[in-house]
Amino acid sequence: MSLSAVLLATASPSPSPSPSETTVTVPSLQDAQESATNAASWVEQNWSTWLAIGLRVLLILVIAAVLRMTVRRAITKLIDRMNRTVESVDGTALGGLLVNAERRRQRSQAIGSVLRSVASFVILGTAALMILGTFEINLAPLLASAGVAGVAIGFGARNLVTDFLSGVFMILEDQYGVGDQIDAGVASGEVIEVGLRVTKLRGANGEIWYVRNGEVKRIGNLSQGWATAGVDVTVKASENLDRVKTTLDAVSERMSKEEPWNELLWGPIEVLGLDSVLIDSMVVRVSAKTMPGKSVGVERELRWRIKRAFDQANIRIVGGATADPADDAADPTESVAPPSAYSNSDSPQVAATSPISSQRPSTR
């Protein structure tokens, strides 16, 4: 017999024989003693169950809190160790060339945030299900409802989920980071911020592009490994190729020994040879392996030095695929037509074209 039933039976008055009676039956001392005895016996029978459930819930909460704190602290220490490793490498001679400290810092923070959030969700979710199970609550309908809600949310916010998952895998795989020059298809520029949902790029003209990670289908990273600086030199077809190659080799050797180009160049500047030959011009290809992201500056400096060296060597650089030779410059009088013979009124041609006057017979 439950405690509520006992209290209800003792508190309710006995039914009156007629509605008109207003007498109230007062319980006797014996009835009160019996009700107290029944309540005490019910508590005595169930207090152990209550205590066991409370201790079990408390134990689950304590274990979940301790486990969550331990896992989060371990993840934080791991991220701090990664940052210290980056700082130690950044202090070496090659640190500035191979490691971007800001990029590594943001990547480690993003990874740490994702891992901490996932760990907290798994631990606290498992603890909540265990507590509900302790109270003997049927979890099957709850899990089924959660599954249906998850499917509905997944269909409704599929773009958000796609952006988030793409950002997570992009960060874990280290496809690009802060300071990299990338071509994302929809936009290109320098990466200034990497997030789990949006990547922020700085374009060539200073504009800022917000690119959703789920919209990126392919990535071209122009800052990983090394870059190639290529210069096409177009000269006249009549130039001496040996003299052109000797001049280019001298420019390349001099530039490779000067600062700061000796640090930006990761290989010798090579004259690859003729790239194309046209009727009145030919293209010589010059190439060099450079530090990532520095190929444009190397190309500009190389063009500057080649132009000065060719001017000193009296080698003409033509401006397009084809060029008019300097020796065959057009005569400005060639476009003027010669004077016509008909412009002189005394010329035989004019006389021949003058009409013949008809002579009439004279009358007397």
Protein backbone atom coordinates (compact mmCIF):
# COMPACT_ATOMS: atom_id res chain seq x y z
CA MET A 1 0.00 0.00 0.00
CA SER A 2 1.47 3.36 -1.03
CA LEU A 3 1.96 6.33 1.28
CA SER A 4 -0.42 8.56 -0.74
CA ALA A 5 -3.22 6.00 -0.49
CA VAL A 6 -2.79 5.73 3.30
CA LEU A 7 -2.85 9.52 3.79
CA LEU A 8 -5.89 9.86 1.52
CA ALA A 9 -7.80 7.18 3.40
CA THR A 10 -7.08 8.74 6.78
CA ALA A 11 -7.80 12.30 5.72
CA SER A 12 -11.12 11.70 3.92
CA PRO A 13 -14.21 11.77 6.15
CA SER A 14 -16.63 8.89 6.26
CA PRO A 15 -19.59 9.26 3.88
CA SER A 16 -22.67 10.85 5.41
CA PRO A 17 -26.03 9.15 5.09
CA SER A 18 -27.68 12.26 3.64
CA PRO A 19 -26.39 15.43 1.96
CA SER A 20 -28.21 17.58 4.44
CA GLU A 21 -26.04 16.48 7.37
CA THR A 22 -23.11 18.82 8.21
CA THR A 23 -21.41 16.74 10.85
CA VAL A 24 -17.63 16.11 10.38
CA THR A 25 -16.10 12.89 11.61
CA VAL A 26 -12.88 13.51 13.55
CA PRO A 27 -10.35 10.68 13.26
CA SER A 28 -9.53 8.99 16.47
CA LEU A 29 -6.12 8.63 18.04
CA GLN A 30 -6.00 5.02 16.98
CA ASP A 31 -6.59 5.93 13.30
CA ALA A 32 -3.84 8.54 13.40
CA GLN A 33 -1.48 6.06 15.01
CA GLU A 34 -2.28 3.50 12.34
CA SER A 35 -1.68 6.02 9.54
CA ALA A 36 1.68 7.03 11.00
CA THR A 37 2.65 3.41 11.37
CA ASN A 38 1.80 2.68 7.74
CA ALA A 39 3.77 5.72 6.50
CA ALA A 40 6.79 4.79 8.59
CA SER A 41 6.70 1.25 7.31
CA TRP A 42 6.52 2.49 3.68
CA VAL A 43 9.48 4.79 4.20
CA GLU A 44 11.38 2.00 5.91
CA GLN A 45 10.73 -0.29 2.98
CA ASN A 46 11.79 2.22 0.27
CA TRP A 47 14.52 4.38 1.85
CA SER A 48 17.22 2.01 0.69
CA THR A 49 15.97 2.31 -2.89
CA TRP A 50 15.96 6.10 -2.67
CA LEU A 51 19.43 6.15 -1.19
CA ALA A 52 20.77 3.78 -3.87
CA ILE A 53 19.27 5.90 -6.67
CA GLY A 54 20.61 9.14 -5.20
CA LEU A 55 24.09 7.69 -4.70
CA ARG A 56 24.07 6.31 -8.21
CA VAL A 57 23.08 9.67 -9.72
CA LEU A 58 25.69 11.47 -7.63
CA LEU A 59 28.36 8.98 -8.67
CA ILE A 60 27.45 9.41 -12.36
CA LEU A 61 27.63 13.20 -12.08
CA VAL A 62 30.98 13.12 -10.25
CA ILE A 63 32.52 10.69 -12.73
CA ALA A 64 31.22 12.71 -15.69
CA ALA A 65 32.56 16.00 -14.26
CA VAL A 66 35.97 14.52 -13.44
CA LEU A 67 36.24 12.80 -16.84
CA ARG A 68 35.21 15.94 -18.70
CA MET A 69 37.71 18.08 -16.80
CA THR A 70 40.49 15.53 -17.36
CA VAL A 71 39.83 15.23 -21.09
CA ARG A 72 39.61 18.99 -21.61
CA ARG A 73 42.83 19.53 -19.66
CA ALA A 74 44.60 16.86 -21.72
CA ILE A 75 43.43 18.48 -24.95
CA THR A 76 44.58 21.91 -23.73
CA LYS A 77 48.03 20.55 -22.82
CA LEU A 78 48.29 18.90 -26.23
CA ILE A 79 47.47 22.17 -27.99
CA ASP A 80 49.95 24.09 -25.80
CA ARG A 81 52.65 21.56 -26.64
CA MET A 82 51.93 22.03 -30.35
CA ASN A 83 52.26 25.81 -29.95
CA ARG A 84 55.54 25.46 -28.04
CA THR A 85 56.89 23.23 -30.78
CA VAL A 86 55.95 25.85 -33.37
CA GLU A 87 57.64 28.59 -31.35
CA SER A 88 60.85 26.57 -31.03
CA VAL A 89 60.93 25.90 -34.76
CA ASP A 90 60.10 29.52 -35.50
CA GLY A 91 63.25 30.59 -33.66
CA THR A 92 65.53 28.63 -35.99
CA ALA A 93 67.01 29.81 -39.28
CA LEU A 94 64.41 28.00 -41.38
CA GLY A 95 61.50 28.81 -39.07
CA GLY A 96 60.51 31.95 -40.92
CA LEU A 97 60.54 30.09 -44.24
CA LEU A 98 58.71 26.91 -43.29
CA VAL A 99 56.39 27.82 -40.43
CA ASN A 100 53.76 30.52 -40.13
CA ALA A 101 53.23 30.99 -36.38
CA GLU A 102 49.85 32.68 -36.72
CA ARG A 103 48.63 29.96 -39.04
CA ARG A 104 49.71 27.20 -36.67
CA ARG A 105 48.24 28.99 -33.69
CA GLN A 106 44.81 29.41 -35.28
CA ARG A 107 44.83 25.85 -36.55
CA SER A 108 45.71 24.44 -33.13
CA GLN A 109 43.06 26.58 -31.43
CA ALA A 110 40.40 25.47 -33.89
CA ILE A 111 41.32 21.81 -33.46
CA GLY A 112 41.33 22.19 -29.67
CA SER A 113 37.93 23.88 -29.68
CA VAL A 114 36.41 21.12 -31.82
CA LEU A 115 37.91 18.33 -29.70
CA ARG A 116 36.78 19.93 -26.43
CA SER A 117 33.24 20.45 -27.71
CA VAL A 118 32.97 16.89 -28.99
CA ALA A 119 34.35 15.46 -25.73
CA SER A 120 31.94 17.52 -23.60
CA PHE A 121 28.95 16.53 -25.75
CA VAL A 122 29.77 12.83 -25.63
CA ILE A 123 30.52 12.72 -21.89
CA LEU A 124 27.55 14.83 -20.73
CA GLY A 125 25.15 13.13 -23.15
CA THR A 126 26.17 9.70 -21.92
CA ALA A 127 25.81 10.82 -18.30
CA ALA A 128 22.30 12.17 -18.94
CA LEU A 129 21.19 8.89 -20.52
CA MET A 130 22.62 6.91 -17.60
CA ILE A 131 20.77 9.11 -15.08
CA LEU A 132 17.49 8.60 -16.93
CA GLY A 133 18.14 4.89 -16.95
CA THR A 134 18.72 4.97 -13.19
CA PHE A 135 15.16 6.26 -12.70
CA GLU A 136 13.93 3.29 -14.81
CA ILE A 137 12.72 5.58 -17.60
CA ASN A 138 12.23 3.87 -20.94
CA LEU A 139 14.83 5.42 -23.25
CA ALA A 140 13.60 3.83 -26.48
CA PRO A 141 10.94 6.50 -27.27
CA LEU A 142 13.36 9.25 -26.28
CA LEU A 143 16.12 7.94 -28.57
CA ALA A 144 13.64 7.45 -31.41
CA SER A 145 12.40 11.04 -31.03
CA ALA A 146 15.99 12.31 -30.93
CA GLY A 147 16.74 10.39 -34.12
CA VAL A 148 13.75 11.88 -35.93
CA ALA A 149 14.67 15.38 -34.69
CA GLY A 150 18.25 14.87 -35.85
CA VAL A 151 17.09 13.86 -39.33
CA ALA A 152 14.79 16.90 -39.54
CA ILE A 153 17.55 19.24 -38.40
CA GLY A 154 19.96 17.63 -40.82
CA PHE A 155 17.64 18.26 -43.78
CA GLY A 156 16.78 21.78 -42.65
CA ALA A 157 20.34 22.89 -41.91
CA ARG A 158 22.24 20.69 -44.34
CA ASN A 159 24.23 23.64 -45.71
CA LEU A 160 25.35 24.60 -42.20
CA VAL A 161 26.31 21.01 -41.43
CA THR A 162 28.18 20.75 -44.72
CA ASP A 163 30.11 23.96 -44.02
CA PHE A 164 31.00 22.79 -40.51
CA LEU A 165 32.18 19.32 -41.55
CA SER A 166 34.16 20.73 -44.48
CA GLY A 167 35.85 23.21 -42.14
CA VAL A 168 36.74 20.48 -39.65
CA PHE A 169 38.34 18.25 -42.28
CA MET A 170 40.07 21.23 -43.91
CA ILE A 171 41.69 22.17 -40.60
CA LEU A 172 42.62 18.59 -39.71
CA GLU A 173 44.20 18.01 -43.12
CA ASP A 174 45.95 21.42 -43.05
CA GLN A 175 44.90 22.26 -46.60
CA TYR A 176 45.64 25.97 -46.08
CA GLY A 177 46.15 28.45 -43.27
CA VAL A 178 46.60 32.12 -42.42
CA GLY A 179 49.04 33.83 -44.79
CA ASP A 180 48.63 31.35 -47.65
CA GLN A 181 47.82 32.47 -51.17
CA ILE A 182 45.03 30.19 -52.39
CA ASP A 183 42.70 29.84 -55.34
CA ALA A 184 39.35 28.57 -54.04
CA GLY A 185 37.56 28.68 -57.38
CA VAL A 186 34.87 31.13 -56.29
CA ALA A 187 37.54 33.57 -55.04
CA SER A 188 41.31 33.86 -54.70
CA GLY A 189 43.64 35.81 -52.44
CA GLU A 190 45.51 35.69 -49.15
CA VAL A 191 43.95 33.83 -46.24
CA ILE A 192 43.49 36.20 -43.28
CA GLU A 193 41.19 34.06 -41.10
CA VAL A 194 40.19 30.41 -41.00
CA GLY A 195 36.94 29.34 -39.31
CA LEU A 196 34.90 26.17 -39.06
CA ARG A 197 32.17 27.61 -41.30
CA VAL A 198 33.71 30.53 -43.24
CA THR A 199 37.17 31.29 -44.61
CA LYS A 200 38.12 34.97 -45.04
CA LEU A 201 40.32 35.96 -48.01
CA ARG A 202 42.01 39.25 -48.95
CA GLY A 203 41.82 39.81 -52.71
CA ALA A 204 44.43 41.39 -54.96
CA ASN A 205 42.59 44.75 -54.93
CA GLY A 206 42.12 44.78 -51.14
CA GLU A 207 38.60 43.35 -51.07
CA ILE A 208 37.64 40.75 -48.44
CA TRP A 209 35.95 37.55 -49.57
CA TYR A 210 33.87 35.43 -47.19
CA VAL A 211 33.93 31.92 -48.61
CA ARG A 212 31.77 29.20 -47.07
CA ASN A 213 33.76 26.04 -46.57
CA GLY A 214 30.98 23.90 -48.02
CA GLU A 215 31.10 25.85 -51.30
CA VAL A 216 34.77 25.10 -51.94
CA LYS A 217 35.10 22.18 -54.35
CA ARG A 218 38.83 22.47 -55.01
CA ILE A 219 41.74 24.38 -53.47
CA GLY A 220 44.90 25.56 -55.14
CA ASN A 221 47.48 26.49 -52.50
CA LEU A 222 50.14 28.76 -53.96
CA SER A 223 52.18 28.99 -50.74
CA GLN A 224 53.11 25.39 -50.00
CA GLY A 225 56.41 23.85 -51.06
CA TRP A 226 57.92 26.23 -53.60
CA ALA A 227 56.92 28.52 -56.46
CA THR A 228 58.21 29.06 -59.98
CA ALA A 229 59.17 32.43 -61.46
CA GLY A 230 59.05 32.46 -65.24
CA VAL A 231 60.00 35.30 -67.63
CA ASP A 232 59.54 35.24 -71.41
CA VAL A 233 62.01 37.44 -73.28
CA THR A 234 60.98 38.28 -76.86
CA VAL A 235 63.82 39.38 -79.15
CA LYS A 236 64.22 39.89 -82.89
CA ALA A 237 64.71 36.82 -85.02
CA SER A 238 67.97 38.25 -86.36
CA GLU A 239 69.62 38.41 -82.91
CA ASN A 240 72.58 36.18 -82.09
CA LEU A 241 71.30 33.46 -79.75
CA ASP A 242 74.70 32.85 -78.20
CA ARG A 243 75.02 36.51 -77.27
CA VAL A 244 71.48 36.53 -75.86
CA LYS A 245 72.17 33.44 -73.74
CA THR A 246 75.49 34.83 -72.49
CA THR A 247 73.80 38.06 -71.41
CA LEU A 248 71.00 36.18 -69.63
CA ASP A 249 73.49 33.92 -67.83
CA ALA A 250 75.42 36.94 -66.58
CA VAL A 251 72.22 38.56 -65.27
CA SER A 252 71.17 35.32 -63.55
CA GLU A 253 74.53 34.77 -61.88
CA ARG A 254 74.74 38.36 -60.64
CA MET A 255 71.19 38.32 -59.25
CA SER A 256 71.68 34.98 -57.47
CA LYS A 257 74.58 36.40 -55.45
CA GLU A 258 72.91 39.62 -54.31
CA GLU A 259 70.69 40.09 -51.27
CA PRO A 260 67.82 39.60 -50.66
CA TRP A 261 67.41 37.61 -53.86
CA ASN A 262 69.86 34.93 -52.78
CA GLU A 263 67.42 34.02 -49.97
CA LEU A 264 64.30 34.20 -52.09
CA LEU A 265 65.79 32.04 -54.83
CA TRP A 266 65.73 28.32 -53.94
CA GLY A 267 67.58 27.29 -57.08
CA PRO A 268 69.67 28.68 -59.93
CA ILE A 269 68.06 30.88 -62.57
CA GLU A 270 68.01 28.76 -65.71
CA VAL A 271 67.74 29.74 -69.36
CA LEU A 272 65.47 26.99 -70.64
CA GLY A 273 65.92 27.90 -74.32
CA LEU A 274 63.64 28.96 -77.13
CA ASP A 275 59.98 28.75 -76.22
CA SER A 276 58.69 29.77 -79.66
CA VAL A 277 60.02 31.07 -82.97
CA LEU A 278 57.97 33.38 -85.20
CA ILE A 279 58.62 35.06 -88.52
CA ASP A 280 60.31 38.14 -87.12
CA SER A 281 60.74 37.34 -83.38
CA MET A 282 61.63 34.56 -81.00
CA VAL A 283 60.83 33.96 -77.31
CA VAL A 284 63.50 32.84 -74.81
CA ARG A 285 62.23 31.28 -71.57
CA VAL A 286 63.93 32.02 -68.21
CA SER A 287 62.81 30.18 -65.06
CA ALA A 288 63.76 29.92 -61.37
CA LYS A 289 62.49 28.13 -58.25
CA THR A 290 61.60 30.61 -55.49
CA MET A 291 60.22 30.81 -51.99
CA PRO A 292 56.42 30.29 -51.87
CA GLY A 293 54.55 33.50 -52.59
CA LYS A 294 57.64 35.39 -53.82
CA SER A 295 57.58 34.47 -57.50
CA VAL A 296 55.96 37.73 -58.63
CA GLY A 297 58.63 39.90 -56.99
CA VAL A 298 61.40 37.77 -58.47
CA GLU A 299 59.86 38.01 -61.94
CA ARG A 300 59.67 41.81 -61.75
CA GLU A 301 63.28 42.15 -60.65
CA LEU A 302 64.44 39.70 -63.29
CA ARG A 303 62.66 41.64 -66.06
CA TRP A 304 64.20 44.87 -64.79
CA ARG A 305 67.74 43.45 -64.87
CA ILE A 306 67.29 41.78 -68.25
CA LYS A 307 66.07 45.00 -69.83
CA ARG A 308 69.05 46.98 -68.51
CA ALA A 309 71.52 44.29 -69.59
CA PHE A 310 70.02 44.08 -73.09
CA ASP A 311 70.17 47.84 -73.47
CA GLN A 312 73.87 47.78 -72.61
CA ALA A 313 74.47 44.88 -75.00
CA ASN A 314 72.44 46.60 -77.75
CA ILE A 315 69.95 43.74 -77.89
CA ARG A 316 66.47 44.90 -78.72
CA ILE A 317 63.47 43.49 -76.87
CA VAL A 318 60.36 43.56 -78.99
CA GLY A 319 57.06 44.25 -77.31
CA GLY A 320 54.77 41.62 -78.81
CA ALA A 321 54.58 38.33 -80.59
CA THR A 322 55.57 39.98 -83.85
CA ALA A 323 57.38 43.28 -84.43
CA ASP A 324 58.32 45.55 -87.28
CA PRO A 325 62.07 45.63 -87.91
CA ALA A 326 63.76 48.91 -87.03
CA ASP A 327 65.72 49.00 -90.27
CA ASP A 328 62.57 48.73 -92.38
CA ALA A 329 60.85 51.71 -90.91
CA ALA A 330 58.01 52.96 -93.07
CA ASP A 331 58.73 56.02 -95.25
CA PRO A 332 56.15 58.71 -94.52
CA THR A 333 56.11 59.70 -98.23
CA GLU A 334 55.17 56.17 -99.33
CA SER A 335 51.57 56.72 -98.43
CA VAL A 336 51.42 59.87 -100.62
CA ALA A 337 50.31 59.21 -104.20
CA PRO A 338 52.52 60.60 -107.01
CA PRO A 339 51.23 63.73 -108.73
CA SER A 340 48.86 63.04 -111.57
CA ALA A 341 49.73 63.96 -115.14
CA TYR A 342 46.34 65.52 -115.47
CA SER A 343 47.19 68.17 -112.91
CA ASN A 344 49.28 70.05 -115.52
CA SER A 345 47.06 71.76 -118.06
CA ASP A 346 49.87 71.87 -120.67
CA SER A 347 50.56 68.14 -120.55
CA PRO A 348 49.83 66.02 -123.64
CA GLN A 349 47.43 63.91 -121.58
CA VAL A 350 45.27 66.92 -120.83
CA ALA A 351 45.40 68.01 -124.49
CA ALA A 352 44.36 64.56 -125.62
CA THR A 353 41.35 64.59 -123.35
CA SER A 354 40.17 68.10 -124.32
CA PRO A 355 37.01 68.08 -126.51
CA ILE A 356 37.36 68.71 -130.24
CA SER A 357 35.47 71.83 -131.29
CA SER A 358 33.31 71.38 -134.44
CA GLN A 359 34.08 73.87 -137.31
CA ARG A 360 31.01 75.24 -139.15
CA PRO A 361 31.25 76.43 -142.85
CA SER A 362 31.30 80.19 -143.25
CA THR A 363 28.37 81.81 -145.01
CA ARG A 364 28.73 84.67 -147.37
